[in-house]
PDB file of N, CA and C in Angstrom:
ATOM      1  N   MET A   1      -1.524   8.056   6.544  1.00  0.00           N
ATOM      2  CA  MET A   1      -0.625   7.733   5.418  1.00  0.00           C
ATOM      3  C   MET A   1      -1.380   7.335   4.204  1.00  0.00           C
ATOM      4  N   PHE A   2      -1.983   6.378   4.645  1.00  0.00           N
ATOM      5  CA  PHE A   2      -3.065   5.813   3.342  1.00  0.00           C
ATOM      6  C   PHE A   2      -3.862   6.754   2.912  1.00  0.00           C
ATOM      7  N   LEU A   3      -4.609   7.486   3.682  1.00  0.00           N
ATOM      8  CA  LEU A   3      -5.601   8.476   3.280  1.00  0.00           C
ATOM      9  C   LEU A   3      -4.854   9.389   2.588  1.00  0.00           C
ATOM     10  N   GLY A   4      -4.005  10.048   2.860  1.00  0.00           N
ATOM     11  CA  GLY A   4      -3.283  11.065   2.064  1.00  0.00           C
ATOM     12  C   GLY A   4      -2.572  10.436   0.867  1.00  0.00           C
ATOM     13  N   PHE A   5      -1.818   9.405   0.783  1.00  0.00           N
ATOM     14  CA  PHE A   5      -1.543   8.917  -0.388  1.00  0.00           C
ATOM     15  C   PHE A   5      -2.477   8.624  -1.591  1.00  0.00           C
ATOM     16  N   GLY A   6      -3.626   7.832  -1.044  1.00  0.00           N
ATOM     17  CA  GLY A   6      -4.664   7.524  -1.676  1.00  0.00           C
ATOM     18  C   GLY A   6      -5.275   8.474  -2.441  1.00  0.00           C
ATOM     19  N   VAL A   7      -5.698   9.756  -1.739  1.00  0.00           N
ATOM     20  CA  VAL A   7      -6.388  10.779  -2.053  1.00  0.00           C
ATOM     21  C   VAL A   7      -5.579  11.566  -3.215  1.00  0.00           C
ATOM     22  N   LEU A   8      -4.241  11.590  -2.849  1.00  0.00           N
ATOM     23  CA  LEU A   8      -3.277  12.015  -4.051  1.00  0.00           C
ATOM     24  C   LEU A   8      -3.327  11.386  -5.486  1.00  0.00           C
ATOM     25  N   LYS A   9      -3.513  10.240  -5.652  1.00  0.00           N
ATOM     26  CA  LYS A   9      -3.548   9.341  -6.807  1.00  0.00           C
ATOM     27  C   LYS A   9      -5.141   9.585  -7.569  1.00  0.00           C
ATOM     28  N   PHE A  10      -5.884  10.103  -6.975  1.00  0.00           N
ATOM     29  CA  PHE A  10      -6.948  10.736  -7.403  1.00  0.00           C
ATOM     30  C   PHE A  10      -6.948  12.062  -8.450  1.00  0.00           C
ATOM     31  N   VAL A  11      -5.625  12.749  -8.280  1.00  0.00           N
ATOM     32  CA  VAL A  11      -5.324  13.809  -9.076  1.00  0.00           C
ATOM     33  C   VAL A  11      -4.200  13.479 -10.186  1.00  0.00           C
ATOM     34  N   PRO A  12      -4.331  13.631 -11.163  1.00  0.00           N
ATOM     35  CA  PRO A  12      -3.234  13.096 -12.077  1.00  0.00           C
ATOM     36  C   PRO A  12      -1.991  13.895 -11.997  1.00  0.00           C
ATOM     37  N   GLY A  13      -1.000  13.195 -11.692  1.00  0.00           N
ATOM     38  CA  GLY A  13       0.425  13.964 -11.661  1.00  0.00           C
ATOM     39  C   GLY A  13       0.740  14.380 -10.392  1.00  0.00           C
ATOM     40  N   ALA A  14       0.020  14.148  -9.424  1.00  0.00           N
ATOM     41  CA  ALA A  14      -0.056  14.812  -7.835  1.00  0.00           C
ATOM     42  C   ALA A  14       0.861  13.654  -6.991  1.00  0.00           C
ATOM     43  N   SER A  15       0.690  12.496  -7.174  1.00  0.00           N
ATOM     44  CA  SER A  15       1.293  11.414  -6.922  1.00  0.00           C
ATOM     45  C   SER A  15       2.682  10.982  -7.595  1.00  0.00           C
ATOM     46  N   PRO A  16       3.733  10.937  -6.537  1.00  0.00           N
ATOM     47  CA  PRO A  16       5.050  10.528  -6.986  1.00  0.00           C
ATOM     48  C   PRO A  16       4.880   8.980  -7.442  1.00  0.00           C
ATOM     49  N   ALA A  17       4.090   8.358  -6.710  1.00  0.00           N
ATOM     50  CA  ALA A  17       3.984   6.694  -7.044  1.00  0.00           C
ATOM     51  C   ALA A  17       2.814   6.405  -7.955  1.00  0.00           C
ATOM     52  N   GLU A  18       2.398   7.454  -8.745  1.00  0.00           N
ATOM     53  CA  GLU A  18       1.126   6.839  -9.684  1.00  0.00           C
ATOM     54  C   GLU A  18       1.799   6.262 -10.896  1.00  0.00           C
ATOM     55  N   SER A  19       3.199   6.560 -11.313  1.00  0.00           N
ATOM     56  CA  SER A  19       3.626   5.409 -12.399  1.00  0.00           C
ATOM     57  C   SER A  19       4.034   4.219 -11.967  1.00  0.00           C
ATOM     58  N   ILE A  20       4.368   3.998 -10.929  1.00  0.00           N
ATOM     59  CA  ILE A  20       4.779   2.688 -10.286  1.00  0.00           C
ATOM     60  C   ILE A  20       3.618   1.847  -9.947  1.00  0.00           C
ATOM     61  N   ALA A  21       2.710   2.564  -9.466  1.00  0.00           N
ATOM     62  CA  ALA A  21       1.208   2.171  -8.974  1.00  0.00           C
ATOM     63  C   ALA A  21       0.649   1.170 -10.349  1.00  0.00           C
ATOM     64  N   ALA A  22       0.512   2.312 -11.354  1.00  0.00           N
ATOM     65  CA  ALA A  22      -0.030   1.750 -12.607  1.00  0.00           C
ATOM     66  C   ALA A  22       0.748   0.524 -13.390  1.00  0.00           C
ATOM     67  N   ARG A  23       2.148   0.638 -13.316  1.00  0.00           N
ATOM     68  CA  ARG A  23       2.998  -0.467 -13.882  1.00  0.00           C
ATOM     69  C   ARG A  23       2.457  -1.736 -12.875  1.00  0.00           C
ATOM     70  N   THR A  24       2.622  -1.650 -11.855  1.00  0.00           N
ATOM     71  CA  THR A  24       2.440  -2.431 -11.028  1.00  0.00           C
ATOM     72  C   THR A  24       1.171  -3.401 -11.127  1.00  0.00           C
ATOM     73  N   VAL A  25       0.179  -2.766 -10.936  1.00  0.00           N
ATOM     74  CA  VAL A  25      -1.076  -3.323 -11.202  1.00  0.00           C
ATOM     75  C   VAL A  25      -1.426  -4.029 -12.587  1.00  0.00           C
ATOM     76  N   GLU A  26      -0.714  -2.823 -13.520  1.00  0.00           N
ATOM     77  CA  GLU A  26      -0.881  -3.736 -14.883  1.00  0.00           C
ATOM     78  C   GLU A  26      -0.249  -5.108 -14.989  1.00  0.00           C
ATOM     79  N   THR A  27       1.079  -5.165 -14.427  1.00  0.00           N
ATOM     80  CA  THR A  27       1.980  -6.166 -14.496  1.00  0.00           C
ATOM     81  C   THR A  27       1.336  -7.484 -13.593  1.00  0.00           C
ATOM     82  N   LEU A  28       0.644  -7.204 -12.530  1.00  0.00           N
ATOM     83  CA  LEU A  28       0.138  -8.242 -11.790  1.00  0.00           C
ATOM     84  C   LEU A  28      -1.041  -8.663 -12.411  1.00  0.00           C
ATOM     85  N   THR A  29      -2.101  -7.943 -13.102  1.00  0.00           N
ATOM     86  CA  THR A  29      -3.208  -8.302 -13.590  1.00  0.00           C
ATOM     87  C   THR A  29      -2.942  -8.777 -15.246  1.00  0.00           C
ATOM     88  N   PHE A  30      -1.740  -9.055 -15.656  1.00  0.00           N
ATOM     89  CA  PHE A  30      -1.158  -9.557 -16.946  1.00  0.00           C
ATOM     90  C   PHE A  30      -1.770  -8.488 -17.887  1.00  0.00           C
ATOM     91  N   GLY A  31      -1.867  -7.277 -17.589  1.00  0.00           N
ATOM     92  CA  GLY A  31      -2.472  -6.545 -18.691  1.00  0.00           C
ATOM     93  C   GLY A  31      -3.891  -6.137 -18.902  1.00  0.00           C
ATOM     94  N   LEU A  32      -4.527  -6.822 -17.842  1.00  0.00           N
ATOM     95  CA  LEU A  32      -5.949  -6.846 -18.063  1.00  0.00           C
ATOM     96  C   LEU A  32      -6.538  -5.424 -17.508  1.00  0.00           C
ATOM     97  N   VAL A  33      -5.746  -4.729 -16.634  1.00  0.00           N
ATOM     98  CA  VAL A  33      -6.148  -3.460 -16.059  1.00  0.00           C
ATOM     99  C   VAL A  33      -5.075  -2.576 -16.400  1.00  0.00           C
ATOM    100  N   GLY A  34      -5.486  -1.648 -17.275  1.00  0.00           N
ATOM    101  CA  GLY A  34      -4.812  -0.403 -17.700  1.00  0.00           C
ATOM    102  C   GLY A  34      -4.153   0.678 -16.747  1.00  0.00           C
ATOM    103  N   GLY A  35      -3.146   1.355 -17.205  1.00  0.00           N
ATOM    104  CA  GLY A  35      -2.769   2.259 -16.230  1.00  0.00           C
ATOM    105  C   GLY A  35      -3.645   3.351 -15.590  1.00  0.00           C
ATOM    106  N   THR A  36      -4.545   3.905 -16.106  1.00  0.00           N
ATOM    107  CA  THR A  36      -5.404   4.879 -15.546  1.00  0.00           C
ATOM    108  C   THR A  36      -6.437   4.180 -14.587  1.00  0.00           C
ATOM    109  N   ALA A  37      -6.896   3.028 -15.192  1.00  0.00           N
ATOM    110  CA  ALA A  37      -7.914   2.175 -14.126  1.00  0.00           C
ATOM    111  C   ALA A  37      -7.010   1.778 -12.955  1.00  0.00           C
ATOM    112  N   ALA A  38      -5.888   1.420 -13.399  1.00  0.00           N
ATOM    113  CA  ALA A  38      -4.929   0.860 -11.894  1.00  0.00           C
ATOM    114  C   ALA A  38      -4.671   1.864 -10.908  1.00  0.00           C
ATOM    115  N   VAL A  39      -4.669   3.169 -11.250  1.00  0.00           N
ATOM    116  CA  VAL A  39      -4.057   4.376 -10.326  1.00  0.00           C
ATOM    117  C   VAL A  39      -5.606   4.647  -9.601  1.00  0.00           C
ATOM    118  N   ILE A  40      -6.632   4.628 -10.435  1.00  0.00           N
ATOM    119  CA  ILE A  40      -8.234   4.965  -9.899  1.00  0.00           C
ATOM    120  C   ILE A  40      -8.195   3.777  -8.823  1.00  0.00           C
ATOM    121  N   PHE A  41      -8.152   2.501  -9.204  1.00  0.00           N
ATOM    122  CA  PHE A  41      -8.385   1.307  -8.179  1.00  0.00           C
ATOM    123  C   PHE A  41      -7.567   1.599  -6.779  1.00  0.00           C
ATOM    124  N   THR A  42      -6.182   2.072  -7.337  1.00  0.00           N
ATOM    125  CA  THR A  42      -5.312   1.933  -6.178  1.00  0.00           C
ATOM    126  C   THR A  42      -5.822   3.104  -5.083  1.00  0.00           C
ATOM    127  N   ALA A  43      -6.076   4.304  -5.654  1.00  0.00           N
ATOM    128  CA  ALA A  43      -6.742   5.608  -4.995  1.00  0.00           C
ATOM    129  C   ALA A  43      -7.761   5.178  -4.316  1.00  0.00           C
ATOM    130  N   VAL A  44      -8.780   4.222  -4.722  1.00  0.00           N
ATOM    131  CA  VAL A  44     -10.063   4.174  -3.952  1.00  0.00           C
ATOM    132  C   VAL A  44      -9.556   2.964  -2.947  1.00  0.00           C
ATOM    133  N   LEU A  45      -8.865   1.998  -3.138  1.00  0.00           N
ATOM    134  CA  LEU A  45      -8.625   1.017  -2.315  1.00  0.00           C
ATOM    135  C   LEU A  45      -7.369   1.902  -0.853  1.00  0.00           C
ATOM    136  N   GLU A  46      -6.571   2.577  -1.190  1.00  0.00           N
ATOM    137  CA  GLU A  46      -5.903   3.293  -0.115  1.00  0.00           C
ATOM    138  C   GLU A  46      -6.921   4.219   0.786  1.00  0.00           C
ATOM    139  N   THR A  47      -7.523   5.060  -0.009  1.00  0.00           N
ATOM    140  CA  THR A  47      -8.422   5.701   0.359  1.00  0.00           C
ATOM    141  C   THR A  47      -9.590   5.163   1.341  1.00  0.00           C
ATOM    142  N   PHE A  48      -9.881   3.754   0.970  1.00  0.00           N
ATOM    143  CA  PHE A  48     -10.784   3.185   1.931  1.00  0.00           C
ATOM    144  C   PHE A  48     -10.152   2.674   2.936  1.00  0.00           C
ATOM    145  N   ILE A  49      -8.988   2.391   2.961  1.00  0.00           N
ATOM    146  CA  ILE A  49      -8.146   1.769   4.058  1.00  0.00           C
ATOM    147  C   ILE A  49      -7.785   2.840   5.166  1.00  0.00           C
ATOM    148  N   GLY A  50      -7.356   3.965   4.422  1.00  0.00           N
ATOM    149  CA  GLY A  50      -6.942   5.193   5.327  1.00  0.00           C
ATOM    150  C   GLY A  50      -8.107   5.500   6.162  1.00  0.00           C
ATOM    151  N   LEU A  51      -9.285   5.591   5.573  1.00  0.00           N
ATOM    152  CA  LEU A  51     -10.671   5.801   6.254  1.00  0.00           C
ATOM    153  C   LEU A  51     -10.851   4.742   7.560  1.00  0.00           C
ATOM    154  N   THR A  52     -10.778   3.772   7.161  1.00  0.00           N
ATOM    155  CA  THR A  52     -11.060   2.675   7.893  1.00  0.00           C
ATOM    156  C   THR A  52     -10.135   2.503   9.393  1.00  0.00           C
ATOM    157  N   LEU A  53      -8.903   3.004   8.696  1.00  0.00           N
ATOM    158  CA  LEU A  53      -7.845   2.932  10.127  1.00  0.00           C
ATOM    159  C   LEU A  53      -8.241   4.282  10.628  1.00  0.00           C
ATOM    160  N   LEU A  54      -8.522   5.374  10.349  1.00  0.00           N
ATOM    161  CA  LEU A  54      -8.697   6.732  11.163  1.00  0.00           C
ATOM    162  C   LEU A  54     -10.337   6.548  12.028  1.00  0.00           C
ATOM    163  N   THR A  55     -11.175   6.078  11.499  1.00  0.00           N
ATOM    164  CA  THR A  55     -12.320   6.058  11.861  1.00  0.00           C
ATOM    165  C   THR A  55     -12.623   4.658  12.913  1.00  0.00           C
ATOM    166  N   GLY A  56     -12.053   3.550  12.418  1.00  0.00           N
ATOM    167  CA  GLY A  56     -12.002   2.346  13.279  1.00  0.00           C
ATOM    168  C   GLY A  56     -13.396   1.567  12.699  1.00  0.00           C
ATOM    169  N   ARG A  57     -14.343   2.159  11.993  1.00  0.00           N
ATOM    170  CA  ARG A  57     -15.403   1.533  11.216  1.00  0.00           C
ATOM    171  C   ARG A  57     -14.947   0.533  10.057  1.00  0.00           C
ATOM    172  N   LEU A  58     -15.771  -0.566   9.971  1.00  0.00           N
ATOM    173  CA  LEU A  58     -15.520  -1.434   9.007  1.00  0.00           C
ATOM    174  C   LEU A  58     -13.693  -1.947   9.336  1.00  0.00           C
ATOM    175  N   LEU A  59     -13.343  -1.775  10.406  1.00  0.00           N
ATOM    176  CA  LEU A  59     -12.138  -1.982  10.566  1.00  0.00           C
ATOM    177  C   LEU A  59     -11.368  -3.447   9.880  1.00  0.00           C
ATOM    178  N   ARG A  60     -12.237  -4.477  10.216  1.00  0.00           N
ATOM    179  CA  ARG A  60     -11.726  -5.855   9.694  1.00  0.00           C
ATOM    180  C   ARG A  60     -11.514  -5.762   8.129  1.00  0.00           C
ATOM    181  N   ALA A  61     -12.585  -5.227   7.561  1.00  0.00           N
ATOM    182  CA  ALA A  61     -12.828  -5.323   6.453  1.00  0.00           C
ATOM    183  C   ALA A  61     -11.352  -4.287   5.476  1.00  0.00           C
ATOM    184  N   GLY A  62     -10.919  -3.212   5.977  1.00  0.00           N
ATOM    185  CA  GLY A  62     -10.141  -2.573   6.069  1.00  0.00           C
ATOM    186  C   GLY A  62      -8.705  -3.182   6.169  1.00  0.00           C
ATOM    187  N   LEU A  63      -8.701  -4.068   7.422  1.00  0.00           N
ATOM    188  CA  LEU A  63      -7.504  -4.816   7.436  1.00  0.00           C
ATOM    189  C   LEU A  63      -7.351  -5.780   6.162  1.00  0.00           C
ATOM    190  N   ILE A  64      -8.384  -6.424   5.931  1.00  0.00           N
ATOM    191  CA  ILE A  64      -8.248  -7.350   4.798  1.00  0.00           C
ATOM    192  C   ILE A  64      -7.742  -6.574   3.431  1.00  0.00           C
ATOM    193  N   ALA A  65      -8.396  -5.422   3.373  1.00  0.00           N
ATOM    194  CA  ALA A  65      -7.896  -4.747   2.257  1.00  0.00           C
ATOM    195  C   ALA A  65      -6.425  -4.477   2.285  1.00  0.00           C
ATOM    196  N   LEU A  66      -6.013  -4.009   3.268  1.00  0.00           N
ATOM    197  CA  LEU A  66      -4.698  -3.431   3.570  1.00  0.00           C
ATOM    198  C   LEU A  66      -3.852  -4.975   3.692  1.00  0.00           C
ATOM    199  N   ALA A  67      -4.085  -6.145   3.828  1.00  0.00           N
ATOM    200  CA  ALA A  67      -3.122  -7.169   3.523  1.00  0.00           C
ATOM    201  C   ALA A  67      -3.065  -7.345   2.086  1.00  0.00           C
ATOM    202  N   VAL A  68      -4.460  -7.193   1.395  1.00  0.00           N
ATOM    203  CA  VAL A  68      -4.167  -7.376  -0.287  1.00  0.00           C
ATOM    204  C   VAL A  68      -3.535  -6.310  -0.635  1.00  0.00           C
ATOM    205  N   ALA A  69      -3.616  -5.091  -0.423  1.00  0.00           N
ATOM    206  CA  ALA A  69      -2.741  -3.683  -0.751  1.00  0.00           C
ATOM    207  C   ALA A  69      -1.273  -4.115  -0.720  1.00  0.00           C
ATOM    208  N   MET A  70      -0.921  -4.528   0.678  1.00  0.00           N
ATOM    209  CA  MET A  70       0.427  -4.634   0.999  1.00  0.00           C
ATOM    210  C   MET A  70       1.250  -5.758  -0.086  1.00  0.00           C
ATOM    211  N   ALA A  71       0.534  -6.813  -0.584  1.00  0.00           N
ATOM    212  CA  ALA A  71       1.338  -7.544  -1.356  1.00  0.00           C
ATOM    213  C   ALA A  71       1.426  -6.854  -2.647  1.00  0.00           C
ATOM    214  N   GLY A  72       0.529  -6.032  -3.034  1.00  0.00           N
ATOM    215  CA  GLY A  72       0.605  -5.233  -4.197  1.00  0.00           C
ATOM    216  C   GLY A  72       1.621  -4.185  -4.024  1.00  0.00           C
ATOM    217  N   ILE A  73       1.767  -3.594  -3.013  1.00  0.00           N
ATOM    218  CA  ILE A  73       2.486  -2.686  -2.729  1.00  0.00           C
ATOM    219  C   ILE A  73       4.095  -2.811  -2.579  1.00  0.00           C
ATOM    220  N   LEU A  74       4.165  -3.983  -2.168  1.00  0.00           N
ATOM    221  CA  LEU A  74       5.520  -4.454  -1.821  1.00  0.00           C
ATOM    222  C   LEU A  74       5.982  -5.406  -3.058  1.00  0.00           C
ATOM    223  N   SER A  75       5.093  -5.466  -4.085  1.00  0.00           N
ATOM    224  CA  SER A  75       5.496  -6.588  -5.280  1.00  0.00           C
ATOM    225  C   SER A  75       6.715  -5.566  -6.213  1.00  0.00           C
ATOM    226  N   PRO A  76       6.838  -4.476  -6.409  1.00  0.00           N
ATOM    227  CA  PRO A  76       7.675  -3.874  -7.192  1.00  0.00           C
ATOM    228  C   PRO A  76       9.102  -4.145  -6.509  1.00  0.00           C
ATOM    229  N   ILE A  77       9.261  -4.345  -5.483  1.00  0.00           N
ATOM    230  CA  ILE A  77      10.684  -4.906  -4.893  1.00  0.00           C
ATOM    231  C   ILE A  77      11.176  -6.230  -5.660  1.00  0.00           C
ATOM    232  N   VAL A  78      10.202  -6.970  -5.882  1.00  0.00           N
ATOM    233  CA  VAL A  78      10.717  -8.166  -6.868  1.00  0.00           C
ATOM    234  C   VAL A  78      10.307  -7.947  -8.236  1.00  0.00           C
ATOM    235  N   LEU A  79       9.349  -7.154  -8.991  1.00  0.00           N
ATOM    236  CA  LEU A  79       9.002  -7.143 -10.401  1.00  0.00           C
ATOM    237  C   LEU A  79      10.068  -5.889 -10.921  1.00  0.00           C
ATOM    238  N   PHE A  80      10.319  -4.901 -10.120  1.00  0.00           N
ATOM    239  CA  PHE A  80      11.439  -3.749 -10.693  1.00  0.00           C
ATOM    240  C   PHE A  80      12.416  -3.677 -10.009  1.00  0.00           C
ATOM    241  N   ALA A  81      12.973  -4.526  -9.416  1.00  0.00           N
ATOM    242  CA  ALA A  81      14.278  -4.515  -8.544  1.00  0.00           C
ATOM    243  C   ALA A  81      15.295  -3.538  -8.952  1.00  0.00           C
ATOM    244  N   ASP A  82      15.385  -4.074 -10.578  1.00  0.00           N
ATOM    245  CA  ASP A  82      16.565  -2.963 -11.164  1.00  0.00           C
ATOM    246  C   ASP A  82      16.519  -1.784 -11.296  1.00  0.00           C
ATOM    247  N   GLU A  83      15.188  -1.177 -11.624  1.00  0.00           N
ATOM    248  CA  GLU A  83      15.029  -0.026 -11.109  1.00  0.00           C
ATOM    249  C   GLU A  83      15.071   0.649  -9.839  1.00  0.00           C
ATOM    250  N   LEU A  84      14.652  -0.114  -8.946  1.00  0.00           N
ATOM    251  CA  LEU A  84      14.437   0.635  -7.661  1.00  0.00           C
ATOM    252  C   LEU A  84      15.773   0.508  -7.008  1.00  0.00           C
ATOM    253  N   PHE A  85      16.630  -0.493  -7.368  1.00  0.00           N
ATOM    254  CA  PHE A  85      17.704  -0.716  -6.637  1.00  0.00           C
ATOM    255  C   PHE A  85      19.259  -0.718  -7.542  1.00  0.00           C
ATOM    256  N   GLY A  86      19.100  -0.956  -8.797  1.00  0.00           N
ATOM    257  CA  GLY A  86      20.097  -1.092  -9.840  1.00  0.00           C
ATOM    258  C   GLY A  86      21.495  -0.641  -9.476  1.00  0.00           C
ATOM    259  N   HIS A  87      21.530   0.696  -9.412  1.00  0.00           N
ATOM    260  CA  HIS A  87      22.714   1.495  -9.282  1.00  0.00           C
ATOM    261  C   HIS A  87      22.723   2.178  -8.007  1.00  0.00           C
ATOM    262  N   GLY A  88      22.522   1.580  -6.628  1.00  0.00           N
ATOM    263  CA  GLY A  88      22.151   2.151  -5.796  1.00  0.00           C
ATOM    264  C   GLY A  88      20.787   2.449  -5.088  1.00  0.00           C
ATOM    265  N   MET A  89      20.287   2.973  -4.186  1.00  0.00           N
ATOM    266  CA  MET A  89      19.054   3.093  -3.672  1.00  0.00           C
ATOM    267  C   MET A  89      18.374   4.420  -4.551  1.00  0.00           C
ATOM    268  N   THR A  90      17.506   4.309  -5.198  1.00  0.00           N
ATOM    269  CA  THR A  90      16.759   5.454  -6.037  1.00  0.00           C
ATOM    270  C   THR A  90      15.564   5.953  -4.933  1.00  0.00           C
ATOM    271  N   LEU A  91      15.290   7.097  -5.288  1.00  0.00           N
ATOM    272  CA  LEU A  91      14.095   7.781  -4.628  1.00  0.00           C
ATOM    273  C   LEU A  91      12.846   6.868  -4.957  1.00  0.00           C
ATOM    274  N   LEU A  92      12.694   6.226  -5.658  1.00  0.00           N
ATOM    275  CA  LEU A  92      11.422   5.371  -6.092  1.00  0.00           C
ATOM    276  C   LEU A  92      11.646   4.154  -5.228  1.00  0.00           C
ATOM    277  N   GLY A  93      12.819   3.628  -4.948  1.00  0.00           N
ATOM    278  CA  GLY A  93      13.046   2.557  -4.082  1.00  0.00           C
ATOM    279  C   GLY A  93      13.209   2.542  -2.603  1.00  0.00           C
ATOM    280  N   GLN A  94      13.220   3.985  -2.262  1.00  0.00           N
ATOM    281  CA  GLN A  94      12.893   4.346  -0.894  1.00  0.00           C
ATOM    282  C   GLN A  94      11.417   4.455  -0.624  1.00  0.00           C
ATOM    283  N   TYR A  95      10.963   5.071  -1.571  1.00  0.00           N
ATOM    284  CA  TYR A  95       9.387   5.273  -1.428  1.00  0.00           C
ATOM    285  C   TYR A  95       8.615   3.918  -1.238  1.00  0.00           C
ATOM    286  N   VAL A  96       9.203   2.932  -2.165  1.00  0.00           N
ATOM    287  CA  VAL A  96       8.758   1.474  -1.790  1.00  0.00           C
ATOM    288  C   VAL A  96       8.944   1.045  -0.520  1.00  0.00           C
ATOM    289  N   LEU A  97      10.274   0.715  -0.105  1.00  0.00           N
ATOM    290  CA  LEU A  97      10.590   0.463   1.187  1.00  0.00           C
ATOM    291  C   LEU A  97       9.968   0.828   2.527  1.00  0.00           C
ATOM    292  N   LYS A  98       9.738   2.117   2.407  1.00  0.00           N
ATOM    293  CA  LYS A  98       8.922   2.753   3.518  1.00  0.00           C
ATOM    294  C   LYS A  98       7.581   2.139   3.916  1.00  0.00           C
ATOM    295  N   ASP A  99       7.393   1.103   2.895  1.00  0.00           N
ATOM    296  CA  ASP A  99       6.051   0.738   3.204  1.00  0.00           C
ATOM    297  C   ASP A  99       6.347  -0.886   4.015  1.00  0.00           C
ATOM    298  N   VAL A 100       7.495  -1.136   4.155  1.00  0.00           N
ATOM    299  CA  VAL A 100       8.018  -2.176   5.168  1.00  0.00           C
ATOM    300  C   VAL A 100       7.548  -1.776   6.581  1.00  0.00           C
ATOM    301  N   VAL A 101       7.617  -0.470   6.830  1.00  0.00           N
ATOM    302  CA  VAL A 101       7.317   0.067   8.441  1.00  0.00           C
ATOM    303  C   VAL A 101       5.704  -0.096   8.257  1.00  0.00           C
ATOM    304  N   LEU A 102       5.028   0.418   7.228  1.00  0.00           N
ATOM    305  CA  LEU A 102       3.528   0.378   7.305  1.00  0.00           C
ATOM    306  C   LEU A 102       3.172  -1.031   7.527  1.00  0.00           C
ATOM    307  N   VAL A 103       3.784  -2.413   6.908  1.00  0.00           N
ATOM    308  CA  VAL A 103       3.327  -3.563   7.238  1.00  0.00           C
ATOM    309  C   VAL A 103       3.664  -3.756   8.823  1.00  0.00           C
ATOM    310  N   ALA A 104       4.586  -3.361   9.384  1.00  0.00           N
ATOM    311  CA  ALA A 104       4.882  -3.516  10.940  1.00  0.00           C
ATOM    312  C   ALA A 104       3.670  -2.902  11.693  1.00  0.00           C
ATOM    313  N   GLY A 105       3.648  -1.580  11.196  1.00  0.00           N
ATOM    314  CA  GLY A 105       2.355  -0.961  11.740  1.00  0.00           C
ATOM    315  C   GLY A 105       0.943  -1.588  11.726  1.00  0.00           C
ATOM    316  N   ALA A 106       0.861  -2.055  10.555  1.00  0.00           N
ATOM    317  CA  ALA A 106      -0.357  -2.775  10.195  1.00  0.00           C
ATOM    318  C   ALA A 106      -0.522  -3.939  10.980  1.00  0.00           C
ATOM    319  N   ALA A 107       0.619  -4.714  11.210  1.00  0.00           N
ATOM    320  CA  ALA A 107       0.538  -5.912  12.166  1.00  0.00           C
ATOM    321  C   ALA A 107       0.184  -5.803  13.520  1.00  0.00           C
ATOM    322  N   VAL A 108       0.291  -4.506  13.794  1.00  0.00           N
ATOM    323  CA  VAL A 108       0.146  -4.213  15.164  1.00  0.00           C
ATOM    324  C   VAL A 108      -1.110  -3.749  15.428  1.00  0.00           C
ATOM    325  N   VAL A 109      -1.888  -3.000  14.357  1.00  0.00           N
ATOM    326  CA  VAL A 109      -3.189  -2.723  14.482  1.00  0.00           C
ATOM    327  C   VAL A 109      -4.284  -3.565  14.382  1.00  0.00           C
ATOM    328  N   ALA A 110      -3.866  -4.615  13.533  1.00  0.00           N
ATOM    329  CA  ALA A 110      -4.354  -6.051  13.158  1.00  0.00           C
ATOM    330  C   ALA A 110      -4.586  -6.855  14.323  1.00  0.00           C
ATOM    331  N   ALA A 111      -3.202  -7.092  15.043  1.00  0.00           N
ATOM    332  CA  ALA A 111      -3.668  -7.712  16.322  1.00  0.00           C
ATOM    333  C   ALA A 111      -4.269  -7.150  17.453  1.00  0.00           C
ATOM    334  N   VAL A 112      -4.320  -5.841  17.702  1.00  0.00           N
ATOM    335  CA  VAL A 112      -5.196  -5.449  18.499  1.00  0.00           C
ATOM    336  C   VAL A 112      -6.684  -5.430  18.124  1.00  0.00           C
ATOM    337  N   ALA A 113      -7.066  -5.208  16.842  1.00  0.00           N
ATOM    338  CA  ALA A 113      -8.269  -5.046  16.339  1.00  0.00           C
ATOM    339  C   ALA A 113      -8.492  -6.579  16.452  1.00  0.00           C
ATOM    340  N   LEU A 114      -7.983  -7.514  16.605  1.00  0.00           N
ATOM    341  CA  LEU A 114      -8.597  -8.944  16.481  1.00  0.00           C
ATOM    342  C   LEU A 114      -8.285  -9.682  18.150  1.00  0.00           C
ATOM    343  N   GLY A 115      -8.317  -8.769  18.997  1.00  0.00           N
ATOM    344  CA  GLY A 115      -8.422  -9.184  20.440  1.00  0.00           C
ATOM    345  C   GLY A 115      -6.721  -9.372  21.112  1.00  0.00           C
ATOM    346  N   ALA A 116      -5.713  -8.972  20.576  1.00  0.00           N
ATOM    347  CA  ALA A 116      -4.342  -9.537  21.042  1.00  0.00           C
ATOM    348  C   ALA A 116      -4.461  -8.775  22.392  1.00  0.00           C
ATOM    349  N   ARG A 117      -3.927  -9.237  23.424  1.00  0.00           N
ATOM    350  CA  ARG A 117      -3.498  -8.604  24.525  1.00  0.00           C
ATOM    351  C   ARG A 117      -1.978  -8.631  25.166  1.00  0.00           C
ATOM    352  N   LEU A 118      -1.392  -7.561  25.446  1.00  0.00           N
ATOM    353  CA  LEU A 118      -0.090  -7.838  26.120  1.00  0.00           C
ATOM    354  C   LEU A 118       0.176  -8.505  27.138  1.00  0.00           C
ATOM    355  N   LYS A 119       0.499  -9.185  27.611  1.00  0.00           N
ATOM    356  CA  LYS A 119       0.838  -9.955  29.015  1.00  0.00           C
ATOM    357  C   LYS A 119       2.214 -10.091  29.457  1.00  0.00           C
ATOM    358  N   LEU A 120       2.441  -9.406  30.646  1.00  0.00           N
ATOM    359  CA  LEU A 120       3.802  -9.354  31.196  1.00  0.00           C
ATOM    360  C   LEU A 120       3.927 -10.354  32.079  1.00  0.00           C
ATOM    361  N   ASP A 121       4.917 -11.175  31.879  1.00  0.00           N
ATOM    362  CA  ASP A 121       5.322 -12.146  33.002  1.00  0.00           C
ATOM    363  C   ASP A 121       6.138 -11.674  34.181  1.00  0.00           C
ATOM    364  N   ALA A 122       5.569 -11.898  35.261  1.00  0.00           N
ATOM    365  CA  ALA A 122       6.168 -11.209  36.306  1.00  0.00           C
ATOM    366  C   ALA A 122       6.617 -12.498  37.109  1.00  0.00           C
TER     367      ALA A 122
END
């Protein structure tokens, strides 16, 4: 998912999350990073994360990038709550909330990558 959504952001107008990504990064950086730069940064970050998860190379670095990205990806829930959920759930709100599932999946990948093992008490 990360690789697919990241690559989409390299093509202007192809990603449904382009505007929310630009606004979120712009808000989180207090306007220091503009819209186009924010989308390119997000595209590079998501593509890197996707490649690390698919290949297993630089996985720890990818997981750190994923943790940082998740904070940014979920921040519109707080920053733009009225737009996402003001008069019922919007499509953009659903798009942002799907990332909660990604957080759960990322936690499993991180646990396994860092050496967690399942133990059954018998």
